[in-house]
Structure formats: structure tokens, C-alpha cells
Protein backbone atom coordinates (compact mmCIF):
# COMPACT_ATOMS: atom_id res chain seq x y z
CA MET A 1 48.44 -50.04 102.93
CA ALA A 2 48.34 -53.49 104.51
CA GLN A 3 52.09 -53.33 105.15
CA ILE A 4 51.78 -50.38 107.54
CA PHE A 5 51.66 -51.17 111.25
CA GLY A 6 51.87 -49.49 114.64
CA ASN A 7 53.41 -46.03 114.67
CA ASP A 8 53.49 -45.93 110.88
CA ARG A 9 49.71 -46.37 110.75
CA LYS A 10 49.29 -43.50 113.20
CA MET A 11 51.54 -41.36 111.03
CA VAL A 12 49.43 -42.13 107.97
CA ARG A 13 46.21 -41.23 109.77
CA ALA A 14 47.76 -37.98 110.98
CA ALA A 15 48.95 -37.17 107.47
CA MET A 16 45.57 -37.79 105.92
CA SER A 17 43.83 -35.63 108.51
CA ALA A 18 46.22 -32.69 108.14
CA PRO A 19 44.55 -29.66 106.48
CA TYR A 20 45.48 -28.58 102.97
CA LEU A 21 47.36 -25.33 102.60
CA GLU A 22 46.30 -22.51 100.36
CA ARG A 23 49.00 -21.07 98.12
CA ASP A 24 49.39 -17.88 100.18
CA GLU A 25 49.56 -19.75 103.49
CA GLU A 26 52.08 -22.22 102.09
CA HIS A 27 54.22 -19.33 100.84
CA GLU A 28 54.04 -17.58 104.20
CA LEU A 29 55.11 -20.72 106.09
CA ALA A 30 57.99 -21.29 103.69
CA VAL A 31 59.17 -17.70 104.11
CA ARG A 32 59.03 -17.91 107.91
CA TRP A 33 61.07 -21.11 107.87
CA ALA A 34 63.60 -19.85 105.32
CA THR A 35 64.17 -16.42 106.84
CA GLU A 36 63.46 -16.90 110.54
CA GLY A 37 64.06 -20.61 111.10
CA ASP A 38 60.53 -20.91 112.52
CA LYS A 39 60.21 -24.59 113.42
CA LYS A 40 56.46 -24.36 113.95
CA ALA A 41 56.12 -23.13 110.39
CA LEU A 42 58.29 -26.01 109.21
CA HIS A 43 56.22 -28.56 111.11
CA LYS A 44 52.98 -27.27 109.63
CA LEU A 45 54.45 -27.14 106.12
CA VAL A 46 55.82 -30.68 106.32
CA SER A 47 52.71 -32.13 107.98
CA ALA A 48 50.50 -30.75 105.24
CA HIS A 49 52.59 -32.50 102.59
CA MET A 50 52.95 -35.93 104.22
CA ARG A 51 50.02 -37.19 102.15
CA LEU A 52 52.17 -36.40 99.10
CA VAL A 53 54.91 -38.59 100.59
CA ILE A 54 52.46 -41.45 101.12
CA SER A 55 51.12 -41.13 97.58
CA ILE A 56 54.60 -41.27 96.04
CA ALA A 57 55.74 -44.11 98.35
CA SER A 58 52.73 -46.23 97.32
CA ARG A 59 53.96 -46.19 93.71
CA PHE A 60 57.04 -48.16 94.77
CA ARG A 61 55.35 -50.78 96.99
CA HIS A 62 55.80 -53.52 94.32
CA PHE A 63 59.54 -53.64 95.07
CA GLY A 64 58.74 -55.68 98.18
CA LEU A 65 60.11 -53.29 100.82
CA PRO A 66 58.06 -52.29 103.90
CA MET A 67 55.67 -49.47 103.12
CA GLY A 68 56.49 -47.84 106.43
CA ASP A 69 60.16 -47.64 105.48
CA LEU A 70 59.32 -46.11 102.10
CA ILE A 71 57.24 -43.44 103.84
CA GLN A 72 60.01 -42.71 106.31
CA GLU A 73 62.53 -42.28 103.47
CA GLY A 74 60.08 -40.07 101.62
CA HIS A 75 59.79 -37.98 104.78
CA VAL A 76 63.57 -37.53 104.73
CA GLY A 77 63.30 -36.28 101.16
CA LEU A 78 60.51 -33.89 102.18
CA LEU A 79 62.69 -32.41 104.93
CA GLU A 80 65.56 -32.02 102.47
CA ALA A 81 63.21 -30.19 100.09
CA SER A 82 62.08 -27.84 102.86
CA LYS A 83 65.71 -27.00 103.61
CA ARG A 84 66.50 -26.18 99.99
CA PHE A 85 63.22 -24.54 98.95
CA GLU A 86 63.39 -20.90 97.85
CA PRO A 87 59.99 -19.20 98.33
CA GLU A 88 60.91 -16.20 96.18
CA ARG A 89 60.87 -18.37 93.04
CA GLU A 90 57.03 -18.48 93.21
CA VAL A 91 56.91 -22.26 92.75
CA ARG A 92 54.48 -24.41 94.73
CA PHE A 93 56.30 -26.33 97.45
CA SER A 94 54.61 -29.61 96.46
CA THR A 95 56.01 -29.31 92.92
CA TYR A 96 59.53 -28.77 94.25
CA ALA A 97 59.29 -31.42 96.99
CA THR A 98 58.07 -34.18 94.66
CA TRP A 99 61.52 -34.62 93.10
CA TRP A 100 63.28 -34.84 96.47
CA ILE A 101 60.74 -37.28 97.88
CA ARG A 102 60.98 -39.58 94.88
CA ALA A 103 64.79 -39.38 94.82
CA SER A 104 65.05 -40.29 98.51
CA ILE A 105 62.73 -43.29 98.13
CA GLN A 106 64.50 -44.51 95.00
CA ASP A 107 67.90 -44.26 96.67
CA TYR A 108 66.59 -46.31 99.61
CA ILE A 109 65.24 -48.98 97.26
CA LEU A 110 68.52 -49.22 95.36
CA ARG A 111 70.41 -49.65 98.65
CA ASN A 112 68.08 -52.24 100.16
CA TRP A 113 66.28 -54.12 97.40
CA SER A 114 69.19 -56.54 96.99
CA ILE A 115 72.46 -57.31 98.75
CA VAL A 116 74.07 -57.02 95.31
CA ARG A 117 74.54 -53.34 94.61
CA GLY A 118 73.25 -52.29 91.21
CA GLY A 119 74.35 -49.47 88.94
CA THR A 120 74.20 -45.97 90.36
CA SER A 121 74.34 -43.94 87.14
CA SER A 122 71.24 -42.03 86.05
CA THR A 123 70.63 -44.39 83.12
CA GLN A 124 70.99 -47.48 85.31
CA LYS A 125 68.52 -46.02 87.81
CA ALA A 126 66.08 -45.25 85.00
CA LEU A 127 66.43 -48.83 83.77
CA PHE A 128 65.87 -50.27 87.25
CA PHE A 129 62.68 -48.31 87.93
CA ASN A 130 61.17 -48.50 84.43
CA LEU A 131 62.10 -51.98 83.26
CA ARG A 132 58.98 -53.75 84.52
CA ARG A 133 56.63 -51.12 83.10
CA LEU A 134 58.37 -51.09 79.71
CA ARG A 135 58.56 -54.87 79.61
CA ALA A 136 54.84 -55.23 80.33
CA LYS A 137 54.05 -52.66 77.65
CA LEU A 138 56.28 -54.18 74.97
CA SER A 139 55.55 -57.83 75.77
CA GLY A 140 51.78 -57.40 75.69
CA GLY A 141 49.47 -58.95 73.12
CA PRO A 142 48.39 -62.49 72.29
CA ASP A 143 51.76 -63.41 70.75
CA ARG A 144 54.64 -63.30 73.20
CA ARG A 145 57.62 -61.54 71.68
CA PRO A 146 61.15 -62.92 72.11
CA ASP A 147 63.10 -61.47 75.00
CA SER A 148 65.87 -60.34 72.65
CA GLU A 149 63.48 -58.05 70.75
CA VAL A 150 62.00 -56.64 73.94
CA HIS A 151 65.46 -56.03 75.39
CA ASP A 152 66.54 -54.22 72.22
CA GLU A 153 63.60 -51.80 72.39
CA ILE A 154 64.02 -51.17 76.11
CA ALA A 155 67.74 -50.49 75.63
CA LEU A 156 66.92 -47.98 72.90
CA ALA A 157 64.23 -46.29 75.01
CA VAL A 158 66.37 -45.96 78.15
CA GLY A 159 69.71 -45.39 76.43
CA VAL A 160 71.68 -48.38 77.75
CA LYS A 161 73.27 -51.50 76.27
CA ARG A 162 71.08 -54.54 75.55
CA GLU A 163 73.38 -56.61 77.80
CA ASP A 164 72.55 -54.25 80.68
CA VAL A 165 68.82 -54.73 80.07
CA ALA A 166 69.18 -58.52 80.01
CA LEU A 167 71.20 -58.48 83.24
CA MET A 168 68.74 -56.19 85.03
CA ASP A 169 65.80 -58.27 83.80
CA SER A 170 67.43 -61.38 85.23
CA ARG A 171 68.04 -59.66 88.57
CA LEU A 172 64.47 -58.38 88.86
CA SER A 173 63.00 -61.78 88.02
CA SER A 174 64.60 -63.53 91.00
CA LEU A 175 65.19 -62.71 94.65
CA ASP A 176 68.40 -63.06 96.64
CA SER A 177 69.08 -66.54 97.99
CA SER A 178 70.81 -67.04 101.30
CA LEU A 179 73.82 -69.37 101.39
CA ASN A 180 72.36 -70.70 104.64
CA ALA A 181 69.05 -71.66 102.99
CA PRO A 182 68.32 -75.40 103.47
CA VAL A 183 68.23 -77.40 100.23
CA ALA A 184 68.21 -81.05 101.31
CA GLU A 185 67.76 -83.25 104.36
CA GLY A 186 70.17 -86.13 104.80
CA GLU A 187 70.31 -89.17 107.04
CA GLY A 188 69.71 -88.63 110.71
CA GLY A 189 67.81 -85.41 110.06
CA THR A 190 70.90 -83.42 109.05
CA VAL A 191 70.05 -80.49 106.79
CA SER A 192 72.34 -79.36 103.97
CA GLU A 193 72.65 -75.70 103.08
CA ARG A 194 73.50 -74.05 99.78
CA GLN A 195 77.00 -73.20 100.97
CA ASP A 196 77.71 -76.90 101.54
CA PHE A 197 77.70 -77.42 97.77
CA LEU A 198 80.13 -74.61 97.00
CA VAL A 199 83.55 -76.05 96.21
CA ASP A 200 86.69 -73.94 96.30
CA ASP A 201 89.58 -75.51 94.42
CA GLN A 202 92.07 -72.98 95.74
CA PRO A 203 94.46 -74.11 98.49
CA LEU A 204 93.80 -73.08 102.08
CA GLN A 205 95.33 -69.85 103.33
CA ASP A 206 97.84 -71.61 105.56
CA GLU A 207 98.94 -73.75 102.62
CA THR A 208 99.35 -70.67 100.41
CA VAL A 209 101.38 -68.83 103.03
CA GLY A 210 103.47 -71.90 103.79
CA GLY A 211 104.19 -72.44 100.10
CA ALA A 212 105.25 -68.80 99.66
CA ILE A 213 107.62 -69.05 102.63
CA ASP A 214 109.14 -72.30 101.33
CA GLU A 215 109.57 -70.80 97.86
CA GLU A 216 111.37 -67.78 99.28
CA ARG A 217 113.69 -70.02 101.32
CA ARG A 218 114.50 -72.16 98.29
CA LYS A 219 115.36 -69.08 96.22
CA ARG A 220 117.64 -67.78 98.98
CA TRP A 221 119.44 -71.12 99.27
CA ILE A 222 119.92 -71.52 95.51
CA ASN A 223 121.17 -67.95 95.06
CA GLY A 224 123.69 -68.53 97.83
CA ALA A 225 124.84 -71.84 96.32
CA LEU A 226 125.29 -70.31 92.86
CA LYS A 227 128.12 -68.17 94.24
CA VAL A 228 130.40 -71.26 94.37
CA LEU A 229 130.33 -71.58 90.55
CA SER A 230 132.78 -70.00 88.15
CA ASP A 231 131.50 -67.55 85.55
CA ARG A 232 131.42 -70.20 82.80
CA GLU A 233 129.72 -72.75 85.05
CA LEU A 234 127.17 -70.16 86.15
CA ARG A 235 126.36 -69.22 82.56
CA ILE A 236 125.89 -72.83 81.54
CA VAL A 237 123.62 -73.58 84.50
CA ARG A 238 121.54 -70.45 83.88
CA GLU A 239 121.18 -71.17 80.14
CA ARG A 240 120.47 -74.88 80.61
CA ARG A 241 118.54 -75.08 83.92
CA LEU A 242 117.26 -71.69 85.02
CA SER A 243 115.90 -70.13 81.84
CA GLU A 244 112.37 -70.69 80.52
CA GLU A 245 113.69 -72.05 77.20
CA SER A 246 116.67 -74.34 77.72
CA VAL A 247 119.57 -73.85 75.28
CA THR A 248 120.91 -77.00 73.59
CA LEU A 249 124.40 -78.30 74.36
CA GLU A 250 125.42 -77.76 70.75
CA ALA A 251 124.21 -74.14 70.58
CA LEU A 252 125.82 -73.28 73.91
CA GLY A 253 129.07 -74.96 72.83
CA LYS A 254 129.26 -72.79 69.70
CA VAL A 255 128.80 -69.63 71.79
CA LEU A 256 131.49 -70.67 74.28
CA GLY A 257 133.83 -72.09 71.60
CA ILE A 258 133.87 -75.62 73.04
CA SER A 259 132.32 -78.96 72.08
CA LYS A 260 128.86 -79.96 73.27
CA GLU A 261 130.42 -82.86 75.19
CA ARG A 262 132.60 -80.41 77.08
CA VAL A 263 129.51 -78.31 77.88
CA ARG A 264 127.82 -81.44 79.28
CA GLN A 265 130.82 -82.20 81.48
CA ILE A 266 130.98 -78.66 82.85
CA GLU A 267 127.23 -78.72 83.50
CA ASN A 268 127.40 -81.99 85.44
CA ARG A 269 130.35 -80.74 87.48
CA ALA A 270 128.52 -77.47 88.25
CA LEU A 271 125.40 -79.35 89.38
CA GLU A 272 127.48 -81.49 91.74
CA LYS A 273 129.08 -78.36 93.20
CA LEU A 274 125.60 -76.84 93.68
CA ARG A 275 124.32 -79.96 95.43
CA ALA A 276 127.28 -80.03 97.77
CA ALA A 277 126.90 -76.32 98.58
CA LEU A 278 123.21 -76.70 99.28
CA LEU A 279 123.67 -79.75 101.50
CA SER A 280 126.31 -77.97 103.54
CA ASP A 281 124.06 -74.97 104.21
CA LEU A 282 120.69 -76.66 104.73
CA PRO A 283 119.41 -77.87 108.11
CA ASP A 284 119.15 -81.65 108.37
CA GLY A 285 115.36 -81.56 108.17
CA ASP A 286 115.41 -79.72 104.83
CA LYS A 287 118.01 -81.85 103.01
CA ALA A 288 115.28 -84.18 101.74
CA MET A 289 114.17 -81.45 99.35
CA ILE A 290 117.50 -81.62 97.42
């Protein structure tokens, strides 16, 4: 309980000093709260079960989160249990509340243990909260077993893939590292951070946007210039210059019923017409691109 301070410590002392409830008294308080909305009955019922919250919260203290926060989350689960409890089912409130308390604490741990959100399915949760216990049990003995064997058995016991076990084991064995964590001190006392060693090969956003705008302008200019070509010239230019796989002069000549030399002449003439059309439409500052 060394992690509990201030108001949390007072809450623990109050919880431990609260009287136990007999079965009949517990049932009466639950009925008064469920049927009449008696808040005094609720307060007494919840106060008497705060020691249960503390007991369950202490089982999760090895996850490194403040004990006071775990107790507070368990208290939320206890209140949720009191809202849903049905006294007429003749079940002890502590039995019913245990599930809600544990679920609330586990949800808090999953949300706050790491900045990287883990799996939220029931099997992934079971793996997260049982991996360390199962690993310690299966890895015990004088001869250390290979991780692959241990992962296989844990996967079979929990009902997940071995790859999921290996990934979760890796996550639980190391803590999050801040990109602003210092890693080296340079000349003049300057300190380098982890993020200083991250290299992004992608172009800057302004370069990407500028390139997209230029590409769109070029397409618009070329499409406009293509309108000056005849149908045969346009076909030759498309087949020879604008398609992914360029057609040979000989193959294109056979299709058009002319010689390959004639195809070459028409192509050259079409390219000159395109150049002239582009130069006439482009601003002076953009003519260098042609």
C-alpha cells in the first residue's frame, strides 16, 4: 500500500474500519436502494464493500499504475454493481460486485498501461492479464525452456495465435519510451533526443502539394495541346509516347497501312505541333519545362 497517499490513504482507513454486513442487513439495504432510491442505504452498502475493492485492486498493483487510481476505478465498478444488483435473486452482493469491480479496474489498466492501445477482445484481455502468471508457471524449473515452446502452450491455454502471445510478451517486457527522452549529449552541452534520429524519407507536405499542383497543370496543358493534332497524329502519339508500353514503328505502320518511316515522320511532325501549341499557351516563366 506504499503507493497510496493523502485522501486515498484516508479512504483506505475508512474502508477498513467500516463494519461488515450480515446477509439480512445487506439484503435490506439493497432492497431499500433498489425500490426506494434510499441514498443512505446505498452509502452504507458501498462503504461496507470498499475493502473488497481494495483487495481486488491490490492484485493488479504489479502493472505499475497508482494504487489510488486502481481503487478509484474499482469504486466506479462497485457503484455500477449497486445500480444493476437485483436483491430478489438471493445472491450475496459481494459475489455480484466482484465481477464489476474487476472489470472496471481491468478496463482502466488497458486504457492507461501503455499509449499503444492493445486488443480489446475477451481473448486478448485474458492474454494480457494472464500472460505473466502463465509464463512464470511454464518457464519454471532449472532448465529454461525456449520461448517458442512457452508461447505455444500459452496460446493453446488462452485460445489465441502464437504470434499474438509473442507480441504481447514483447510489449509487457518493455515500457513505453518517449521520443523526447535524451539519448546523447553533444558538443557545447546540447542534448539529442530519440526523435532526432528518426529520418523520414518522404517529401515535405509543401513539396507534395506543390508537385500535385504542377502535375495537374501539366496534364491540363498537354490535353489542350493534343487538340491541335489530327486523328492519325493523335493515335500515333498516344501509342508511341503516352502508353505504358510503347508500340514499335513497324507494328504501328502495319496497323495504319503505312511504312514505319512514314510513321516516324508523322510522329516527329506531331511532336513539333505539340511543342508549338504548348509554347503558345504557357506563361513565359513555365516555358522552361518544355
